[in-house]
Amino acid sequence: MSCKLDDDVNEVAKKIIDKNVNHVAVIDNVGKLLGIVTSFDITKAIATRKRELSSIMTKNVITSNPEEPVDICAKKLEKHDISALPVVDKNNKVIGMITSEKISSLLGRGRN
């Protein structure tokens, strides 16, 4: 799930609810990663009446690439105390999102 930098906070909040996600990649017009916004960031923005994503998004985003093993992604999440990694290609275009919930789900399936 992604949004554009000029999207209104309320628009992004609606996307989060409609798609039942907690993380939204902020991208430019060609799909390159600019930042990430979480449902908690949106909650804070609404509570403080902030409207611009640029003022609430995380700009220095820890990312993954499509070839990166899941265990490395899990280590990045733990090391940086974050819950999601945008997956980007060699041009920094967002092609997906890996979350701690998804990793837990995948690991849980392997134990059955």
PDB file of N, CA and C in Angstrom:
ATOM      1  N   MET A   1       0.852  -1.164   0.000  1.00  0.00           N
ATOM      2  CA  MET A   1       0.000   0.000   0.000  1.00  0.00           C
ATOM      3  C   MET A   1       0.900   1.231   0.000  1.00  0.00           C
ATOM      4  N   SER A   2       0.512   2.195  -0.782  1.00  0.00           N
ATOM      5  CA  SER A   2       1.309   3.419  -0.871  1.00  0.00           C
ATOM      6  C   SER A   2       0.400   4.635  -0.990  1.00  0.00           C
ATOM      7  N   CYS A   3       1.025   5.780  -0.793  1.00  0.00           N
ATOM      8  CA  CYS A   3       0.340   7.058  -0.967  1.00  0.00           C
ATOM      9  C   CYS A   3       1.353   8.050  -1.502  1.00  0.00           C
ATOM     10  N   LYS A   4       0.870   9.204  -1.922  1.00  0.00           N
ATOM     11  CA  LYS A   4       1.735  10.270  -2.426  1.00  0.00           C
ATOM     12  C   LYS A   4       1.971  11.292  -1.323  1.00  0.00           C
ATOM     13  N   LEU A   5       3.053  12.010  -1.409  1.00  0.00           N
ATOM     14  CA  LEU A   5       3.435  12.989  -0.405  1.00  0.00           C
ATOM     15  C   LEU A   5       2.382  14.069  -0.203  1.00  0.00           C
ATOM     16  N   ASP A   6       1.673  14.417  -1.269  1.00  0.00           N
ATOM     17  CA  ASP A   6       0.672  15.479  -1.139  1.00  0.00           C
ATOM     18  C   ASP A   6      -0.714  14.959  -0.725  1.00  0.00           C
ATOM     19  N   ASP A   7      -0.843  13.667  -0.440  1.00  0.00           N
ATOM     20  CA  ASP A   7      -2.114  13.135   0.073  1.00  0.00           C
ATOM     21  C   ASP A   7      -2.395  13.722   1.452  1.00  0.00           C
ATOM     22  N   ASP A   8      -3.656  13.958   1.724  1.00  0.00           N
ATOM     23  CA  ASP A   8      -4.087  14.458   3.023  1.00  0.00           C
ATOM     24  C   ASP A   8      -4.036  13.333   4.058  1.00  0.00           C
ATOM     25  N   VAL A   9      -3.725  13.675   5.284  1.00  0.00           N
ATOM     26  CA  VAL A   9      -3.654  12.700   6.369  1.00  0.00           C
ATOM     27  C   VAL A   9      -4.956  11.907   6.466  1.00  0.00           C
ATOM     28  N   ASN A  10      -6.097  12.570   6.313  1.00  0.00           N
ATOM     29  CA  ASN A  10      -7.382  11.866   6.394  1.00  0.00           C
ATOM     30  C   ASN A  10      -7.547  10.849   5.263  1.00  0.00           C
ATOM     31  N   GLU A  11      -7.045  11.168   4.078  1.00  0.00           N
ATOM     32  CA  GLU A  11      -7.089  10.223   2.955  1.00  0.00           C
ATOM     33  C   GLU A  11      -6.281   8.972   3.285  1.00  0.00           C
ATOM     34  N   VAL A  12      -5.114   9.164   3.860  1.00  0.00           N
ATOM     35  CA  VAL A  12      -4.249   8.041   4.205  1.00  0.00           C
ATOM     36  C   VAL A  12      -4.884   7.225   5.333  1.00  0.00           C
ATOM     37  N   ALA A  13      -5.505   7.903   6.284  1.00  0.00           N
ATOM     38  CA  ALA A  13      -6.205   7.195   7.367  1.00  0.00           C
ATOM     39  C   ALA A  13      -7.296   6.301   6.791  1.00  0.00           C
ATOM     40  N   LYS A  14      -8.023   6.802   5.812  1.00  0.00           N
ATOM     41  CA  LYS A  14      -9.083   6.013   5.184  1.00  0.00           C
ATOM     42  C   LYS A  14      -8.503   4.801   4.463  1.00  0.00           C
ATOM     43  N   LYS A  15      -7.375   4.962   3.774  1.00  0.00           N
ATOM     44  CA  LYS A  15      -6.720   3.831   3.106  1.00  0.00           C
ATOM     45  C   LYS A  15      -6.323   2.760   4.124  1.00  0.00           C
ATOM     46  N   ILE A  16      -5.773   3.200   5.244  1.00  0.00           N
ATOM     47  CA  ILE A  16      -5.353   2.267   6.291  1.00  0.00           C
ATOM     48  C   ILE A  16      -6.547   1.447   6.783  1.00  0.00           C
ATOM     49  N   ILE A  17      -7.665   2.113   6.984  1.00  0.00           N
ATOM     50  CA  ILE A  17      -8.870   1.417   7.448  1.00  0.00           C
ATOM     51  C   ILE A  17      -9.423   0.506   6.354  1.00  0.00           C
ATOM     52  N   ASP A  18      -9.555   1.032   5.149  1.00  0.00           N
ATOM     53  CA  ASP A  18     -10.137   0.257   4.041  1.00  0.00           C
ATOM     54  C   ASP A  18      -9.327  -0.992   3.714  1.00  0.00           C
ATOM     55  N   LYS A  19      -8.010  -0.885   3.769  1.00  0.00           N
ATOM     56  CA  LYS A  19      -7.140  -2.008   3.402  1.00  0.00           C
ATOM     57  C   LYS A  19      -6.669  -2.828   4.609  1.00  0.00           C
ATOM     58  N   ASN A  20      -7.048  -2.374   5.818  1.00  0.00           N
ATOM     59  CA  ASN A  20      -6.682  -3.072   7.057  1.00  0.00           C
ATOM     60  C   ASN A  20      -5.165  -3.305   7.158  1.00  0.00           C
ATOM     61  N   VAL A  21      -4.409  -2.205   7.009  1.00  0.00           N
ATOM     62  CA  VAL A  21      -2.953  -2.254   7.108  1.00  0.00           C
ATOM     63  C   VAL A  21      -2.494  -1.265   8.177  1.00  0.00           C
ATOM     64  N   ASN A  22      -1.245  -1.393   8.575  1.00  0.00           N
ATOM     65  CA  ASN A  22      -0.678  -0.477   9.565  1.00  0.00           C
ATOM     66  C   ASN A  22       0.465   0.364   9.033  1.00  0.00           C
ATOM     67  N   HIS A  23       0.896   0.087   7.791  1.00  0.00           N
ATOM     68  CA  HIS A  23       2.059   0.761   7.220  1.00  0.00           C
ATOM     69  C   HIS A  23       1.759   1.179   5.794  1.00  0.00           C
ATOM     70  N   VAL A  24       2.130   2.408   5.467  1.00  0.00           N
ATOM     71  CA  VAL A  24       1.907   2.921   4.119  1.00  0.00           C
ATOM     72  C   VAL A  24       3.207   3.564   3.634  1.00  0.00           C
ATOM     73  N   ALA A  25       3.672   3.107   2.480  1.00  0.00           N
ATOM     74  CA  ALA A  25       4.861   3.711   1.879  1.00  0.00           C
ATOM     75  C   ALA A  25       4.465   5.022   1.222  1.00  0.00           C
ATOM     76  N   VAL A  26       5.270   6.054   1.426  1.00  0.00           N
ATOM     77  CA  VAL A  26       5.050   7.344   0.780  1.00  0.00           C
ATOM     78  C   VAL A  26       5.988   7.368  -0.421  1.00  0.00           C
ATOM     79  N   ILE A  27       5.398   7.550  -1.622  1.00  0.00           N
ATOM     80  CA  ILE A  27       6.182   7.472  -2.850  1.00  0.00           C
ATOM     81  C   ILE A  27       6.038   8.750  -3.672  1.00  0.00           C
ATOM     82  N   ASP A  28       6.976   8.926  -4.599  1.00  0.00           N
ATOM     83  CA  ASP A  28       6.874  10.054  -5.537  1.00  0.00           C
ATOM     84  C   ASP A  28       6.080   9.620  -6.767  1.00  0.00           C
ATOM     85  N   ASN A  29       6.048  10.451  -7.785  1.00  0.00           N
ATOM     86  CA  ASN A  29       5.236  10.171  -8.975  1.00  0.00           C
ATOM     87  C   ASN A  29       5.704   8.981  -9.804  1.00  0.00           C
ATOM     88  N   VAL A  30       6.945   8.541  -9.613  1.00  0.00           N
ATOM     89  CA  VAL A  30       7.429   7.377 -10.353  1.00  0.00           C
ATOM     90  C   VAL A  30       7.566   6.138  -9.472  1.00  0.00           C
ATOM     91  N   GLY A  31       7.080   6.230  -8.237  1.00  0.00           N
ATOM     92  CA  GLY A  31       7.066   5.076  -7.352  1.00  0.00           C
ATOM     93  C   GLY A  31       8.269   4.926  -6.444  1.00  0.00           C
ATOM     94  N   LYS A  32       9.151   5.930  -6.430  1.00  0.00           N
ATOM     95  CA  LYS A  32      10.324   5.855  -5.554  1.00  0.00           C
ATOM     96  C   LYS A  32       9.945   6.193  -4.117  1.00  0.00           C
ATOM     97  N   LEU A  33      10.578   5.483  -3.200  1.00  0.00           N
ATOM     98  CA  LEU A  33      10.296   5.631  -1.778  1.00  0.00           C
ATOM     99  C   LEU A  33      10.775   6.978  -1.244  1.00  0.00           C
ATOM    100  N   LEU A  34       9.875   7.688  -0.575  1.00  0.00           N
ATOM    101  CA  LEU A  34      10.200   8.953   0.094  1.00  0.00           C
ATOM    102  C   LEU A  34      10.158   8.798   1.609  1.00  0.00           C
ATOM    103  N   GLY A  35       9.299   7.887   2.085  1.00  0.00           N
ATOM    104  CA  GLY A  35       9.137   7.709   3.519  1.00  0.00           C
ATOM    105  C   GLY A  35       8.126   6.623   3.814  1.00  0.00           C
ATOM    106  N   ILE A  36       7.811   6.498   5.097  1.00  0.00           N
ATOM    107  CA  ILE A  36       6.802   5.532   5.526  1.00  0.00           C
ATOM    108  C   ILE A  36       5.964   6.170   6.627  1.00  0.00           C
ATOM    109  N   VAL A  37       4.679   5.848   6.630  1.00  0.00           N
ATOM    110  CA  VAL A  37       3.746   6.346   7.640  1.00  0.00           C
ATOM    111  C   VAL A  37       3.056   5.137   8.249  1.00  0.00           C
ATOM    112  N   THR A  38       2.924   5.147   9.563  1.00  0.00           N
ATOM    113  CA  THR A  38       2.243   4.058  10.260  1.00  0.00           C
ATOM    114  C   THR A  38       0.880   4.534  10.753  1.00  0.00           C
ATOM    115  N   SER A  39       0.063   3.591  11.142  1.00  0.00           N
ATOM    116  CA  SER A  39      -1.247   3.945  11.687  1.00  0.00           C
ATOM    117  C   SER A  39      -1.077   4.795  12.945  1.00  0.00           C
ATOM    118  N   PHE A  40      -0.026   4.535  13.723  1.00  0.00           N
ATOM    119  CA  PHE A  40       0.225   5.352  14.909  1.00  0.00           C
ATOM    120  C   PHE A  40       0.600   6.783  14.527  1.00  0.00           C
ATOM    121  N   ASP A  41       1.385   6.943  13.466  1.00  0.00           N
ATOM    122  CA  ASP A  41       1.729   8.285  12.975  1.00  0.00           C
ATOM    123  C   ASP A  41       0.462   9.050  12.594  1.00  0.00           C
ATOM    124  N   ILE A  42      -0.462   8.365  11.927  1.00  0.00           N
ATOM    125  CA  ILE A  42      -1.722   8.988  11.513  1.00  0.00           C
ATOM    126  C   ILE A  42      -2.542   9.384  12.734  1.00  0.00           C
ATOM    127  N   THR A  43      -2.582   8.515  13.729  1.00  0.00           N
ATOM    128  CA  THR A  43      -3.313   8.823  14.969  1.00  0.00           C
ATOM    129  C   THR A  43      -2.756  10.081  15.626  1.00  0.00           C
ATOM    130  N   LYS A  44      -1.430  10.159  15.723  1.00  0.00           N
ATOM    131  CA  LYS A  44      -0.795  11.351  16.301  1.00  0.00           C
ATOM    132  C   LYS A  44      -1.095  12.591  15.478  1.00  0.00           C
ATOM    133  N   ALA A  45      -1.060  12.461  14.157  1.00  0.00           N
ATOM    134  CA  ALA A  45      -1.320  13.607  13.285  1.00  0.00           C
ATOM    135  C   ALA A  45      -2.737  14.135  13.472  1.00  0.00           C
ATOM    136  N   ILE A  46      -3.689  13.240  13.557  1.00  0.00           N
ATOM    137  CA  ILE A  46      -5.079  13.662  13.743  1.00  0.00           C
ATOM    138  C   ILE A  46      -5.260  14.314  15.113  1.00  0.00           C
ATOM    139  N   ALA A  47      -4.630  13.741  16.128  1.00  0.00           N
ATOM    140  CA  ALA A  47      -4.741  14.302  17.477  1.00  0.00           C
ATOM    141  C   ALA A  47      -4.115  15.690  17.576  1.00  0.00           C
ATOM    142  N   THR A  48      -3.063  15.929  16.801  1.00  0.00           N
ATOM    143  CA  THR A  48      -2.367  17.225  16.853  1.00  0.00           C
ATOM    144  C   THR A  48      -2.741  18.136  15.683  1.00  0.00           C
ATOM    145  N   ARG A  49      -3.709  17.704  14.900  1.00  0.00           N
ATOM    146  CA  ARG A  49      -4.232  18.451  13.756  1.00  0.00           C
ATOM    147  C   ARG A  49      -3.189  18.756  12.684  1.00  0.00           C
ATOM    148  N   LYS A  50      -2.259  17.824  12.508  1.00  0.00           N
ATOM    149  CA  LYS A  50      -1.294  17.963  11.420  1.00  0.00           C
ATOM    150  C   LYS A  50      -1.929  17.392  10.160  1.00  0.00           C
ATOM    151  N   ARG A  51      -1.699  18.034   9.036  1.00  0.00           N
ATOM    152  CA  ARG A  51      -2.327  17.643   7.780  1.00  0.00           C
ATOM    153  C   ARG A  51      -1.340  17.149   6.730  1.00  0.00           C
ATOM    154  N   GLU A  52      -0.076  17.480   6.886  1.00  0.00           N
ATOM    155  CA  GLU A  52       0.909  17.167   5.864  1.00  0.00           C
ATOM    156  C   GLU A  52       1.705  15.915   6.228  1.00  0.00           C
ATOM    157  N   LEU A  53       1.749  14.975   5.304  1.00  0.00           N
ATOM    158  CA  LEU A  53       2.488  13.738   5.541  1.00  0.00           C
ATOM    159  C   LEU A  53       3.966  13.993   5.793  1.00  0.00           C
ATOM    160  N   SER A  54       4.510  14.991   5.138  1.00  0.00           N
ATOM    161  CA  SER A  54       5.940  15.280   5.296  1.00  0.00           C
ATOM    162  C   SER A  54       6.308  15.594   6.744  1.00  0.00           C
ATOM    163  N   SER A  55       5.356  16.062   7.520  1.00  0.00           N
ATOM    164  CA  SER A  55       5.649  16.410   8.919  1.00  0.00           C
ATOM    165  C   SER A  55       5.508  15.222   9.867  1.00  0.00           C
ATOM    166  N   ILE A  56       4.949  14.103   9.393  1.00  0.00           N
ATOM    167  CA  ILE A  56       4.754  12.962  10.296  1.00  0.00           C
ATOM    168  C   ILE A  56       5.449  11.681   9.834  1.00  0.00           C
ATOM    169  N   MET A  57       5.858  11.628   8.578  1.00  0.00           N
ATOM    170  CA  MET A  57       6.428  10.385   8.058  1.00  0.00           C
ATOM    171  C   MET A  57       7.877  10.202   8.504  1.00  0.00           C
ATOM    172  N   THR A  58       8.287   8.948   8.531  1.00  0.00           N
ATOM    173  CA  THR A  58       9.686   8.614   8.753  1.00  0.00           C
ATOM    174  C   THR A  58      10.384   8.715   7.409  1.00  0.00           C
ATOM    175  N   LYS A  59      11.444   9.501   7.372  1.00  0.00           N
ATOM    176  CA  LYS A  59      12.126   9.747   6.100  1.00  0.00           C
ATOM    177  C   LYS A  59      13.324   8.824   5.877  1.00  0.00           C
ATOM    178  N   ASN A  60      14.018   8.474   6.935  1.00  0.00           N
ATOM    179  CA  ASN A  60      15.170   7.570   6.829  1.00  0.00           C
ATOM    180  C   ASN A  60      14.676   6.142   7.035  1.00  0.00           C
ATOM    181  N   VAL A  61      14.172   5.552   5.966  1.00  0.00           N
ATOM    182  CA  VAL A  61      13.490   4.274   6.043  1.00  0.00           C
ATOM    183  C   VAL A  61      14.471   3.109   5.847  1.00  0.00           C
ATOM    184  N   ILE A  62      14.361   2.143   6.741  1.00  0.00           N
ATOM    185  CA  ILE A  62      15.105   0.896   6.592  1.00  0.00           C
ATOM    186  C   ILE A  62      14.322   0.060   5.579  1.00  0.00           C
ATOM    187  N   THR A  63      15.008  -0.457   4.566  1.00  0.00           N
ATOM    188  CA  THR A  63      14.326  -1.185   3.493  1.00  0.00           C
ATOM    189  C   THR A  63      14.892  -2.597   3.329  1.00  0.00           C
ATOM    190  N   SER A  64      14.238  -3.331   2.460  1.00  0.00           N
ATOM    191  CA  SER A  64      14.671  -4.656   2.057  1.00  0.00           C
ATOM    192  C   SER A  64      14.677  -4.688   0.533  1.00  0.00           C
ATOM    193  N   ASN A  65      15.286  -5.723  -0.022  1.00  0.00           N
ATOM    194  CA  ASN A  65      15.231  -5.918  -1.466  1.00  0.00           C
ATOM    195  C   ASN A  65      14.621  -7.290  -1.753  1.00  0.00           C
ATOM    196  N   PRO A  66      14.168  -7.516  -2.959  1.00  0.00           N
ATOM    197  CA  PRO A  66      13.452  -8.761  -3.253  1.00  0.00           C
ATOM    198  C   PRO A  66      14.266 -10.041  -3.041  1.00  0.00           C
ATOM    199  N   GLU A  67      15.569  -9.947  -3.095  1.00  0.00           N
ATOM    200  CA  GLU A  67      16.425 -11.127  -2.942  1.00  0.00           C
ATOM    201  C   GLU A  67      16.817 -11.403  -1.495  1.00  0.00           C
ATOM    202  N   GLU A  68      16.479 -10.497  -0.595  1.00  0.00           N
ATOM    203  CA  GLU A  68      16.910 -10.631   0.793  1.00  0.00           C
ATOM    204  C   GLU A  68      16.164 -11.762   1.510  1.00  0.00           C
ATOM    205  N   PRO A  69      16.894 -12.652   2.180  1.00  0.00           N
ATOM    206  CA  PRO A  69      16.240 -13.738   2.909  1.00  0.00           C
ATOM    207  C   PRO A  69      15.369 -13.209   4.061  1.00  0.00           C
ATOM    208  N   VAL A  70      14.328 -13.955   4.362  1.00  0.00           N
ATOM    209  CA  VAL A  70      13.379 -13.555   5.404  1.00  0.00           C
ATOM    210  C   VAL A  70      14.078 -13.395   6.752  1.00  0.00           C
ATOM    211  N   ASP A  71      15.051 -14.260   7.071  1.00  0.00           N
ATOM    212  CA  ASP A  71      15.713 -14.149   8.371  1.00  0.00           C
ATOM    213  C   ASP A  71      16.491 -12.838   8.489  1.00  0.00           C
ATOM    214  N   ILE A  72      17.032 -12.344   7.401  1.00  0.00           N
ATOM    215  CA  ILE A  72      17.730 -11.048   7.420  1.00  0.00           C
ATOM    216  C   ILE A  72      16.716  -9.927   7.652  1.00  0.00           C
ATOM    217  N   CYS A  73      15.566 -10.028   7.002  1.00  0.00           N
ATOM    218  CA  CYS A  73      14.504  -9.037   7.224  1.00  0.00           C
ATOM    219  C   CYS A  73      14.083  -9.027   8.685  1.00  0.00           C
ATOM    220  N   ALA A  74      13.909 -10.203   9.255  1.00  0.00           N
ATOM    221  CA  ALA A  74      13.507 -10.306  10.664  1.00  0.00           C
ATOM    222  C   ALA A  74      14.562  -9.667  11.576  1.00  0.00           C
ATOM    223  N   LYS A  75      15.830  -9.882  11.261  1.00  0.00           N
ATOM    224  CA  LYS A  75      16.910  -9.280  12.056  1.00  0.00           C
ATOM    225  C   LYS A  75      16.902  -7.758  11.938  1.00  0.00           C
ATOM    226  N   LYS A  76      16.627  -7.239  10.746  1.00  0.00           N
ATOM    227  CA  LYS A  76      16.537  -5.785  10.566  1.00  0.00           C
ATOM    228  C   LYS A  76      15.391  -5.203  11.396  1.00  0.00           C
ATOM    229  N   LEU A  77      14.244  -5.874  11.367  1.00  0.00           N
ATOM    230  CA  LEU A  77      13.099  -5.405  12.145  1.00  0.00           C
ATOM    231  C   LEU A  77      13.450  -5.339  13.623  1.00  0.00           C
ATOM    232  N   GLU A  78      14.089  -6.397  14.119  1.00  0.00           N
ATOM    233  CA  GLU A  78      14.448  -6.445  15.534  1.00  0.00           C
ATOM    234  C   GLU A  78      15.525  -5.409  15.880  1.00  0.00           C
ATOM    235  N   LYS A  79      16.559  -5.345  15.068  1.00  0.00           N
ATOM    236  CA  LYS A  79      17.675  -4.429  15.335  1.00  0.00           C
ATOM    237  C   LYS A  79      17.224  -2.973  15.402  1.00  0.00           C
ATOM    238  N   HIS A  80      16.322  -2.589  14.501  1.00  0.00           N
ATOM    239  CA  HIS A  80      15.888  -1.192  14.415  1.00  0.00           C
ATOM    240  C   HIS A  80      14.575  -0.932  15.157  1.00  0.00           C
ATOM    241  N   ASP A  81      14.052  -1.976  15.810  1.00  0.00           N
ATOM    242  CA  ASP A  81      12.810  -1.879  16.579  1.00  0.00           C
ATOM    243  C   ASP A  81      11.691  -1.255  15.740  1.00  0.00           C
ATOM    244  N   ILE A  82      11.483  -1.848  14.552  1.00  0.00           N
ATOM    245  CA  ILE A  82      10.447  -1.398  13.641  1.00  0.00           C
ATOM    246  C   ILE A  82       9.548  -2.586  13.299  1.00  0.00           C
ATOM    247  N   SER A  83       8.427  -2.311  12.673  1.00  0.00           N
ATOM    248  CA  SER A  83       7.479  -3.391  12.384  1.00  0.00           C
ATOM    249  C   SER A  83       7.236  -3.623  10.899  1.00  0.00           C
ATOM    250  N   ALA A  84       7.933  -2.894  10.038  1.00  0.00           N
ATOM    251  CA  ALA A  84       7.769  -3.109   8.597  1.00  0.00           C
ATOM    252  C   ALA A  84       8.985  -2.621   7.814  1.00  0.00           C
ATOM    253  N   LEU A  85       9.192  -3.271   6.683  1.00  0.00           N
ATOM    254  CA  LEU A  85      10.259  -2.891   5.752  1.00  0.00           C
ATOM    255  C   LEU A  85       9.665  -2.765   4.359  1.00  0.00           C
ATOM    256  N   PRO A  86       9.712  -1.590   3.771  1.00  0.00           N
ATOM    257  CA  PRO A  86       9.341  -1.515   2.356  1.00  0.00           C
ATOM    258  C   PRO A  86      10.348  -2.323   1.542  1.00  0.00           C
ATOM    259  N   VAL A  87       9.852  -3.054   0.564  1.00  0.00           N
ATOM    260  CA  VAL A  87      10.722  -3.801  -0.340  1.00  0.00           C
ATOM    261  C   VAL A  87      10.882  -2.939  -1.585  1.00  0.00           C
ATOM    262  N   VAL A  88      12.143  -2.618  -1.902  1.00  0.00           N
ATOM    263  CA  VAL A  88      12.423  -1.730  -3.029  1.00  0.00           C
ATOM    264  C   VAL A  88      13.341  -2.420  -4.034  1.00  0.00           C
ATOM    265  N   ASP A  89      13.190  -2.030  -5.300  1.00  0.00           N
ATOM    266  CA  ASP A  89      14.073  -2.568  -6.334  1.00  0.00           C
ATOM    267  C   ASP A  89      15.359  -1.741  -6.389  1.00  0.00           C
ATOM    268  N   LYS A  90      16.198  -2.036  -7.361  1.00  0.00           N
ATOM    269  CA  LYS A  90      17.496  -1.352  -7.454  1.00  0.00           C
ATOM    270  C   LYS A  90      17.376   0.138  -7.726  1.00  0.00           C
ATOM    271  N   ASN A  91      16.198   0.588  -8.184  1.00  0.00           N
ATOM    272  CA  ASN A  91      15.955   2.008  -8.441  1.00  0.00           C
ATOM    273  C   ASN A  91      15.204   2.696  -7.302  1.00  0.00           C
ATOM    274  N   ASN A  92      15.095   2.009  -6.178  1.00  0.00           N
ATOM    275  CA  ASN A  92      14.400   2.511  -4.989  1.00  0.00           C
ATOM    276  C   ASN A  92      12.886   2.658  -5.196  1.00  0.00           C
ATOM    277  N   LYS A  93      12.343   1.891  -6.156  1.00  0.00           N
ATOM    278  CA  LYS A  93      10.896   1.880  -6.359  1.00  0.00           C
ATOM    279  C   LYS A  93      10.280   0.829  -5.449  1.00  0.00           C
ATOM    280  N   VAL A  94       9.210   1.196  -4.794  1.00  0.00           N
ATOM    281  CA  VAL A  94       8.545   0.295  -3.861  1.00  0.00           C
ATOM    282  C   VAL A  94       7.814  -0.798  -4.640  1.00  0.00           C
ATOM    283  N   ILE A  95       8.108  -2.053  -4.276  1.00  0.00           N
ATOM    284  CA  ILE A  95       7.439  -3.182  -4.921  1.00  0.00           C
ATOM    285  C   ILE A  95       6.679  -4.045  -3.909  1.00  0.00           C
ATOM    286  N   GLY A  96       6.765  -3.685  -2.630  1.00  0.00           N
ATOM    287  CA  GLY A  96       6.045  -4.447  -1.619  1.00  0.00           C
ATOM    288  C   GLY A  96       6.383  -3.965  -0.224  1.00  0.00           C
ATOM    289  N   MET A  97       5.837  -4.699   0.747  1.00  0.00           N
ATOM    290  CA  MET A  97       6.072  -4.370   2.156  1.00  0.00           C
ATOM    291  C   MET A  97       6.125  -5.683   2.922  1.00  0.00           C
ATOM    292  N   ILE A  98       7.153  -5.851   3.738  1.00  0.00           N
ATOM    293  CA  ILE A  98       7.217  -7.016   4.613  1.00  0.00           C
ATOM    294  C   ILE A  98       7.044  -6.529   6.043  1.00  0.00           C
ATOM    295  N   THR A  99       6.154  -7.190   6.761  1.00  0.00           N
ATOM    296  CA  THR A  99       5.846  -6.761   8.126  1.00  0.00           C
ATOM    297  C   THR A  99       6.194  -7.848   9.121  1.00  0.00           C
ATOM    298  N   SER A 100       6.350  -7.452  10.365  1.00  0.00           N
ATOM    299  CA  SER A 100       6.621  -8.437  11.412  1.00  0.00           C
ATOM    300  C   SER A 100       5.463  -9.416  11.531  1.00  0.00           C
ATOM    301  N   GLU A 101       4.234  -8.942  11.317  1.00  0.00           N
ATOM    302  CA  GLU A 101       3.079  -9.829  11.370  1.00  0.00           C
ATOM    303  C   GLU A 101       3.162 -10.898  10.293  1.00  0.00           C
ATOM    304  N   LYS A 102       3.566 -10.511   9.088  1.00  0.00           N
ATOM    305  CA  LYS A 102       3.669 -11.463   7.978  1.00  0.00           C
ATOM    306  C   LYS A 102       4.773 -12.474   8.237  1.00  0.00           C
ATOM    307  N   ILE A 103       5.904 -12.015   8.745  1.00  0.00           N
ATOM    308  CA  ILE A 103       7.002 -12.932   9.056  1.00  0.00           C
ATOM    309  C   ILE A 103       6.554 -13.923  10.127  1.00  0.00           C
ATOM    310  N   SER A 104       5.891 -13.449  11.159  1.00  0.00           N
ATOM    311  CA  SER A 104       5.390 -14.335  12.217  1.00  0.00           C
ATOM    312  C   SER A 104       4.425 -15.372  11.654  1.00  0.00           C
ATOM    313  N   SER A 105       3.563 -14.923  10.762  1.00  0.00           N
ATOM    314  CA  SER A 105       2.602 -15.826  10.126  1.00  0.00           C
ATOM    315  C   SER A 105       3.321 -16.905   9.323  1.00  0.00           C
ATOM    316  N   LEU A 106       4.320 -16.502   8.549  1.00  0.00           N
ATOM    317  CA  LEU A 106       5.075 -17.463   7.748  1.00  0.00           C
ATOM    318  C   LEU A 106       5.832 -18.456   8.620  1.00  0.00           C
ATOM    319  N   LEU A 107       6.450 -17.970   9.675  1.00  0.00           N
ATOM    320  CA  LEU A 107       7.190 -18.849  10.571  1.00  0.00           C
ATOM    321  C   LEU A 107       6.249 -19.794  11.316  1.00  0.00           C
ATOM    322  N   GLY A 108       5.073 -19.292  11.664  1.00  0.00           N
ATOM    323  CA  GLY A 108       4.087 -20.110  12.365  1.00  0.00           C
ATOM    324  C   GLY A 108       3.601 -21.274  11.516  1.00  0.00           C
ATOM    325  N   ARG A 109       3.463 -21.052  10.209  1.00  0.00           N
ATOM    326  CA  ARG A 109       3.014 -22.112   9.297  1.00  0.00           C
ATOM    327  C   ARG A 109       4.026 -23.255   9.226  1.00  0.00           C
ATOM    328  N   GLY A 110       5.283 -22.911   9.349  1.00  0.00           N
ATOM    329  CA  GLY A 110       6.327 -23.932   9.252  1.00  0.00           C
ATOM    330  C   GLY A 110       6.390 -24.853  10.451  1.00  0.00           C
ATOM    331  N   ARG A 111       5.708 -24.519  11.506  1.00  0.00           N
ATOM    332  CA  ARG A 111       5.752 -25.328  12.734  1.00  0.00           C
ATOM    333  C   ARG A 111       4.594 -26.288  12.846  1.00  0.00           C
ATOM    334  N   ASN A 112       3.692 -26.283  11.894  1.00  0.00           N
ATOM    335  CA  ASN A 112       2.528 -27.187  11.967  1.00  0.00           C
ATOM    336  C   ASN A 112       2.883 -28.581  11.514  1.00  0.00           C
TER     337      ASN A 112
END
